Amino acid sequence: MSEKKVVYVVGFIVLAIIIMIIALVATSLKKLASDEIGIKYDTVQKKLDDSTEREGLHTGPPGFEFIKFPSVYKSLSFNDLECLNKDGVKIVLDVTYQYKVRSAKLREVILDFRDKDGYTKVLRYAGI
């Protein structure tokens, strides 16, 4: 093989390695916003991490995701709920309540409700 071909082959291999490293690093970094908490979920091995992460940039295995929940109080509102008192008089209620997941219980909440949407859905049904 001529020296020119060897240089091209070595250059191609080095370029491929650099591209692979950049891709692996890019898929290994995820960010949580200041109003979020989350648990790492390895999408390849299908494993949920044990520890809760707070805001910032975090590393994990390539392709991992965060299952995110808000770290601040969120409100659910129910307007024009109708009920009867013990005398049979109709009462119209506007109710709002706030909720927040405790970071120590986040793994259990994820195992029970899967994600934020499932958790909010159950809370909404509980309020009706």
Protein backbone atom coordinates (compact mmCIF):
# COMPACT_ATOMS: atom_id res chain seq x y z
CA MET A 1 0.00 0.00 0.00
CA SER A 2 1.36 3.43 -0.82
CA GLU A 3 2.04 5.95 1.91
CA LYS A 4 -0.73 8.20 0.61
CA LYS A 5 -3.34 5.45 1.02
CA VAL A 6 -2.07 4.66 4.53
CA VAL A 7 -2.45 8.34 5.50
CA TYR A 8 -6.02 8.36 4.14
CA VAL A 9 -6.94 5.15 5.99
CA VAL A 10 -5.43 6.36 9.28
CA GLY A 11 -7.11 9.76 8.84
CA PHE A 12 -10.46 8.11 8.19
CA ILE A 13 -10.10 5.88 11.28
CA VAL A 14 -9.16 8.85 13.49
CA LEU A 15 -12.10 10.87 12.13
CA ALA A 16 -14.50 7.96 12.75
CA ILE A 17 -13.23 7.59 16.33
CA ILE A 18 -13.64 11.33 16.99
CA ILE A 19 -17.20 11.28 15.61
CA MET A 20 -18.03 8.23 17.75
CA ILE A 21 -16.65 9.89 20.90
CA ILE A 22 -18.65 13.07 20.24
CA ALA A 23 -21.83 11.05 19.67
CA LEU A 24 -21.35 9.00 22.86
CA VAL A 25 -20.65 12.08 24.98
CA ALA A 26 -23.61 13.95 23.48
CA THR A 27 -26.01 11.08 24.27
CA SER A 28 -24.56 10.68 27.78
CA LEU A 29 -25.38 14.21 28.97
CA LYS A 30 -28.85 15.34 30.01
CA LYS A 31 -30.05 18.48 31.78
CA LEU A 32 -32.67 19.06 34.46
CA ALA A 33 -34.16 22.55 34.77
CA SER A 34 -34.21 24.43 38.07
CA ASP A 35 -37.85 23.47 38.68
CA GLU A 36 -37.41 19.73 37.96
CA ILE A 37 -36.28 16.59 39.75
CA GLY A 38 -35.78 13.29 38.01
CA ILE A 39 -34.54 9.73 38.09
CA LYS A 40 -32.27 8.30 35.43
CA TYR A 41 -33.77 5.58 33.25
CA ASP A 42 -31.41 3.48 31.14
CA THR A 43 -33.34 2.88 27.92
CA VAL A 44 -30.96 0.14 26.76
CA GLN A 45 -30.94 -2.02 29.91
CA LYS A 46 -34.44 -0.91 30.99
CA LYS A 47 -33.23 -0.02 34.51
CA LEU A 48 -34.49 2.73 36.80
CA ASP A 49 -31.85 4.35 39.01
CA ASP A 50 -32.29 4.50 42.79
CA SER A 51 -31.19 8.09 43.39
CA THR A 52 -33.10 11.29 42.68
CA GLU A 53 -31.27 14.01 40.76
CA ARG A 54 -31.81 17.75 41.07
CA GLU A 55 -31.25 20.57 38.56
CA GLY A 56 -28.09 20.70 36.48
CA LEU A 57 -26.18 18.73 33.88
CA HIS A 58 -25.88 15.00 34.60
CA THR A 59 -24.04 12.10 33.00
CA GLY A 60 -25.31 8.60 32.45
CA PRO A 61 -25.03 5.68 30.07
CA PRO A 62 -25.42 6.55 26.38
CA GLY A 63 -29.07 7.03 25.48
CA PHE A 64 -30.38 7.39 29.03
CA GLU A 65 -33.39 9.58 29.83
CA PHE A 66 -34.73 11.33 32.88
CA ILE A 67 -38.23 10.66 34.13
CA LYS A 68 -39.00 14.19 35.23
CA PHE A 69 -41.34 15.65 37.83
CA PRO A 70 -41.74 19.25 38.97
CA SER A 71 -39.80 20.13 42.14
CA VAL A 72 -42.15 23.02 42.93
CA TYR A 73 -45.78 23.00 43.94
CA LYS A 74 -48.27 22.64 41.08
CA SER A 75 -51.98 23.44 41.28
CA LEU A 76 -55.02 21.51 40.11
CA SER A 77 -58.28 23.42 39.81
CA PHE A 78 -61.82 22.11 39.66
CA ASN A 79 -64.48 24.66 38.76
CA ASP A 80 -68.26 24.42 39.06
CA LEU A 81 -68.35 21.19 41.05
CA GLU A 82 -71.89 20.55 42.20
CA CYS A 83 -72.97 18.70 45.31
CA LEU A 84 -75.83 18.66 47.79
CA ASN A 85 -75.64 19.48 51.48
CA LYS A 86 -77.51 17.39 54.04
CA ASP A 87 -80.65 19.51 53.54
CA GLY A 88 -80.64 18.83 49.79
CA VAL A 89 -79.54 22.32 48.78
CA LYS A 90 -77.30 22.42 45.72
CA ILE A 91 -73.82 23.85 46.33
CA VAL A 92 -71.45 24.92 43.55
CA LEU A 93 -67.75 24.69 44.45
CA ASP A 94 -64.54 25.99 42.94
CA VAL A 95 -61.68 23.95 44.42
CA THR A 96 -57.93 24.29 43.92
CA TYR A 97 -55.27 22.19 45.60
CA GLN A 98 -51.53 22.03 45.32
CA TYR A 99 -49.29 19.00 45.11
CA LYS A 100 -45.59 18.21 44.96
CA VAL A 101 -43.78 14.87 44.85
CA ARG A 102 -41.31 14.31 47.67
CA SER A 103 -37.90 13.54 46.23
CA ALA A 104 -37.43 10.66 48.69
CA LYS A 105 -40.61 8.99 47.34
CA LEU A 106 -40.02 9.74 43.64
CA ARG A 107 -38.92 6.20 42.71
CA GLU A 108 -42.04 4.71 44.33
CA VAL A 109 -44.25 7.25 42.55
CA ILE A 110 -42.64 6.34 39.20
CA LEU A 111 -43.09 2.62 39.84
CA ASP A 112 -46.76 3.20 40.75
CA PHE A 113 -47.76 5.84 38.18
CA ARG A 114 -45.06 5.59 35.45
CA ASP A 115 -44.57 9.32 34.82
CA LYS A 116 -45.84 12.81 35.63
CA ASP A 117 -48.87 12.44 33.36
CA GLY A 118 -50.02 9.24 35.09
CA TYR A 119 -49.54 10.83 38.51
CA THR A 120 -51.44 13.98 37.55
CA LYS A 121 -54.24 11.89 36.02
CA VAL A 122 -54.75 10.01 39.30
CA LEU A 123 -54.69 13.27 41.28
CA ARG A 124 -57.24 14.79 38.92
CA TYR A 125 -59.56 11.77 39.29
CA ALA A 126 -59.18 11.94 43.08
CA GLY A 127 -60.33 15.55 43.03
CA ILE A 128 -63.50 14.96 41.04
